[in-house]
Amino acid sequence: MDERDLGRALLAIARSAIGAELGVATASEPRHAALGQPAATFVTLKQSGELRGCIGTLKPLRPLGVDVRENALAAAFRDPRFPPLSVREYESTTVEVSLLSADERIDVTTEADLIAQLRPGIDGLILQYGVQRATFLPQVWESLPEPRGFVAALKRKAGLPVDFWSPRMTVSRYGVTRWAESEFTVSEEDR
């Protein structure tokens, strides 16, 4: 099985988990050798191209299939930014799954140093200062393409002032392999 098969399997798992929770009949979950391996994922839900939920994990603490299933349920029903997904919304909601690579720390002492090391469109970023932490998937570069604005928005998400910087802040980057339902022709049997 190739990467495309894995993506199709992960999307089916995410959609099936949400459908089952809503009482909507879904196809049986697919099999794939990678589903039992520890992995970190994010599941993103969209309606009409707009964010409807996004929850994930940054560290590979549970098997890939379980991580996608749990993150799909959390994105649909427990993202604090949105009310729980309804049956009425289910069919019009599209699913995207991001499989994260291991993160790597970026050694920086200033924000300018960080800005210089960023790879727009490639880097997912984790910013942490004490207990305040936030991440942006690489997809966020599509709406925040300028590195300074990307970092400022991430600091805001972490609850920090946009002009704040401390040498004690830790920054890590990661990449993703992502699959979206829009990339596949999804038949009714696959849903």
Protein backbone atom coordinates (compact mmCIF):
# COMPACT_ATOMS: atom_id res chain seq x y z
CA MET A 1 0.00 0.00 0.00
CA ASP A 2 1.26 3.43 -0.85
CA GLU A 3 0.91 6.82 0.80
CA ARG A 4 -2.33 7.49 -1.07
CA ASP A 5 -3.84 4.29 0.32
CA LEU A 6 -2.83 5.36 3.82
CA GLY A 7 -4.46 8.76 3.30
CA ARG A 8 -7.66 7.17 2.05
CA ALA A 9 -7.69 4.86 5.11
CA LEU A 10 -7.11 7.74 7.57
CA LEU A 11 -9.85 9.87 6.01
CA ALA A 12 -12.26 6.92 6.17
CA ILE A 13 -11.42 6.33 9.84
CA ALA A 14 -12.01 9.99 10.69
CA ARG A 15 -15.31 10.22 8.81
CA SER A 16 -16.52 6.87 10.17
CA ALA A 17 -15.77 7.89 13.76
CA ILE A 18 -17.77 11.10 13.41
CA GLY A 19 -20.61 9.37 11.59
CA ALA A 20 -20.84 6.61 14.18
CA GLU A 21 -21.02 9.18 16.98
CA LEU A 22 -23.89 10.91 15.14
CA GLY A 23 -25.68 7.61 14.47
CA VAL A 24 -25.07 7.86 10.71
CA ALA A 25 -24.35 4.57 8.94
CA THR A 26 -20.73 4.38 7.84
CA ALA A 27 -18.52 1.93 6.00
CA SER A 28 -16.33 -0.46 7.94
CA GLU A 29 -12.94 0.91 8.88
CA PRO A 30 -10.14 0.03 6.48
CA ARG A 31 -7.00 -1.88 7.31
CA HIS A 32 -3.46 -0.64 6.76
CA ALA A 33 -0.16 -1.85 8.22
CA ALA A 34 0.74 1.64 9.49
CA LEU A 35 -2.42 2.04 11.61
CA GLY A 36 -0.89 0.24 14.60
CA GLN A 37 2.29 2.34 14.70
CA PRO A 38 2.52 5.28 17.15
CA ALA A 39 1.87 8.58 15.39
CA ALA A 40 0.82 12.18 15.97
CA THR A 41 -1.99 13.60 13.85
CA PHE A 42 -4.37 16.50 13.47
CA VAL A 43 -7.87 16.23 12.06
CA THR A 44 -9.26 19.38 10.48
CA LEU A 45 -12.93 19.82 9.59
CA LYS A 46 -14.13 22.45 7.13
CA GLN A 47 -17.46 23.70 5.85
CA SER A 48 -17.52 25.75 2.65
CA GLY A 49 -13.75 26.11 2.94
CA GLU A 50 -13.98 27.59 6.44
CA LEU A 51 -12.57 25.98 9.57
CA ARG A 52 -15.18 23.99 11.54
CA GLY A 53 -12.88 22.18 13.97
CA CYS A 54 -9.25 21.17 14.34
CA ILE A 55 -7.77 19.04 17.10
CA GLY A 56 -4.62 16.97 17.22
CA THR A 57 -1.63 15.64 19.05
CA LEU A 58 1.98 16.74 18.80
CA LYS A 59 3.65 13.58 20.11
CA PRO A 60 3.16 9.97 18.92
CA LEU A 61 1.60 8.52 22.07
CA ARG A 62 -1.00 6.13 20.60
CA PRO A 63 -1.44 4.03 17.45
CA LEU A 64 -2.10 6.00 14.24
CA GLY A 65 -5.62 4.64 13.73
CA VAL A 66 -6.61 5.40 17.32
CA ASP A 67 -5.06 8.88 17.18
CA VAL A 68 -7.00 9.80 14.03
CA ARG A 69 -10.27 8.40 15.44
CA GLU A 70 -9.91 10.29 18.74
CA ASN A 71 -8.81 13.54 17.07
CA ALA A 72 -11.73 13.33 14.61
CA LEU A 73 -14.19 12.99 17.49
CA ALA A 74 -12.52 15.84 19.37
CA ALA A 75 -12.52 18.11 16.29
CA ALA A 76 -16.20 17.40 15.64
CA PHE A 77 -17.54 17.52 19.17
CA ARG A 78 -15.02 19.08 21.58
CA ASP A 79 -13.22 21.93 19.79
CA PRO A 80 -13.97 24.80 22.22
CA ARG A 81 -14.20 27.30 19.34
CA PHE A 82 -17.29 25.62 17.86
CA PRO A 83 -20.53 23.97 18.95
CA PRO A 84 -20.64 20.17 18.52
CA LEU A 85 -21.15 19.06 14.92
CA SER A 86 -24.77 18.19 14.10
CA VAL A 87 -26.17 15.46 11.89
CA ARG A 88 -27.38 18.20 9.54
CA GLU A 89 -23.79 19.46 9.11
CA TYR A 90 -22.19 16.02 8.67
CA GLU A 91 -22.53 15.65 4.88
CA SER A 92 -21.39 19.20 4.14
CA THR A 93 -18.30 18.89 6.34
CA THR A 94 -15.03 17.91 4.70
CA VAL A 95 -12.26 16.09 6.52
CA GLU A 96 -8.50 16.58 6.34
CA VAL A 97 -5.90 14.48 8.18
CA SER A 98 -2.34 15.65 8.83
CA LEU A 99 0.33 13.14 9.88
CA LEU A 100 3.09 14.98 11.75
CA SER A 101 6.80 14.28 11.51
CA ALA A 102 8.87 14.34 14.69
CA ASP A 103 9.42 17.90 15.83
CA GLU A 104 12.89 19.43 15.99
CA ARG A 105 13.89 22.28 18.22
CA ILE A 106 14.99 25.50 16.56
CA ASP A 107 17.79 27.18 18.50
CA VAL A 108 16.97 30.88 18.51
CA THR A 109 17.60 33.71 20.93
CA THR A 110 15.63 36.46 19.18
CA GLU A 111 12.45 36.70 17.17
CA ALA A 112 14.46 38.01 14.21
CA ASP A 113 16.58 34.86 14.38
CA LEU A 114 13.42 32.73 14.32
CA ILE A 115 11.94 34.67 11.39
CA ALA A 116 15.17 34.14 9.42
CA GLN A 117 15.06 30.36 9.98
CA LEU A 118 11.40 29.76 9.11
CA ARG A 119 10.43 27.94 5.92
CA PRO A 120 7.04 29.37 4.88
CA GLY A 121 4.64 26.75 3.61
CA ILE A 122 6.78 23.91 5.01
CA ASP A 123 7.17 24.41 8.75
CA GLY A 124 4.55 23.62 11.32
CA LEU A 125 5.57 25.56 14.42
CA ILE A 126 5.25 24.96 18.17
CA LEU A 127 5.91 27.93 20.43
CA GLN A 128 6.08 27.51 24.20
CA TYR A 129 6.78 29.86 27.08
CA GLY A 130 6.17 28.32 30.49
CA VAL A 131 2.71 26.74 30.42
CA GLN A 132 1.62 28.79 27.41
CA ARG A 133 1.89 26.80 24.19
CA ALA A 134 0.41 26.92 20.71
CA THR A 135 0.99 25.36 17.32
CA PHE A 136 0.17 26.12 13.72
CA LEU A 137 0.14 23.41 11.09
CA PRO A 138 2.04 24.23 7.88
CA GLN A 139 -1.34 24.78 6.19
CA VAL A 140 -1.75 28.00 8.20
CA TRP A 141 0.88 29.59 5.94
CA GLU A 142 -1.86 29.68 3.27
CA SER A 143 -3.71 32.35 5.26
CA LEU A 144 -0.68 33.90 7.02
CA PRO A 145 2.09 33.82 4.35
CA GLU A 146 4.37 36.44 5.93
CA PRO A 147 6.70 35.00 8.62
CA ARG A 148 6.38 37.94 11.02
CA GLY A 149 2.58 37.79 10.86
CA PHE A 150 2.65 33.98 11.24
CA VAL A 151 4.73 34.23 14.44
CA ALA A 152 2.63 37.12 15.81
CA ALA A 153 -0.60 35.14 15.29
CA LEU A 154 0.95 32.07 16.92
CA LYS A 155 1.98 34.13 19.96
CA ARG A 156 -1.55 35.50 20.18
CA LYS A 157 -2.93 31.94 20.02
CA ALA A 158 -0.59 31.01 22.91
CA GLY A 159 -2.00 33.90 24.95
CA LEU A 160 1.14 36.01 24.63
CA PRO A 161 1.37 39.63 23.48
CA VAL A 162 2.37 39.86 19.81
CA ASP A 163 5.40 41.99 20.72
CA PHE A 164 6.57 39.56 23.44
CA TRP A 165 9.84 37.67 23.17
CA SER A 166 11.98 35.89 25.73
CA PRO A 167 15.18 33.88 25.26
CA ARG A 168 13.48 31.25 27.47
CA MET A 169 10.83 30.66 24.81
CA THR A 170 11.17 27.29 23.08
CA VAL A 171 10.37 26.85 19.42
CA SER A 172 10.13 23.62 17.44
CA ARG A 173 9.22 22.84 13.87
CA TYR A 174 7.66 19.82 12.20
CA GLY A 175 6.38 18.82 8.80
CA VAL A 176 3.18 17.09 7.80
CA THR A 177 1.87 14.72 5.21
CA ARG A 178 -1.73 15.72 4.69
CA TRP A 179 -4.69 14.23 2.93
CA ALA A 180 -8.00 15.95 2.25
CA GLU A 181 -11.24 14.37 1.09
CA SER A 182 -11.28 16.89 -1.75
CA GLU A 183 -8.22 15.11 -3.21
CA PHE A 184 -10.14 11.86 -3.57
CA THR A 185 -13.30 10.96 -5.41
CA VAL A 186 -15.24 9.66 -2.44
CA SER A 187 -18.08 7.34 -3.35
CA GLU A 188 -21.05 6.93 -1.04
CA GLU A 189 -19.73 3.48 -0.08
CA ASP A 190 -16.51 5.13 1.21
CA ARG A 191 -18.43 7.58 3.39
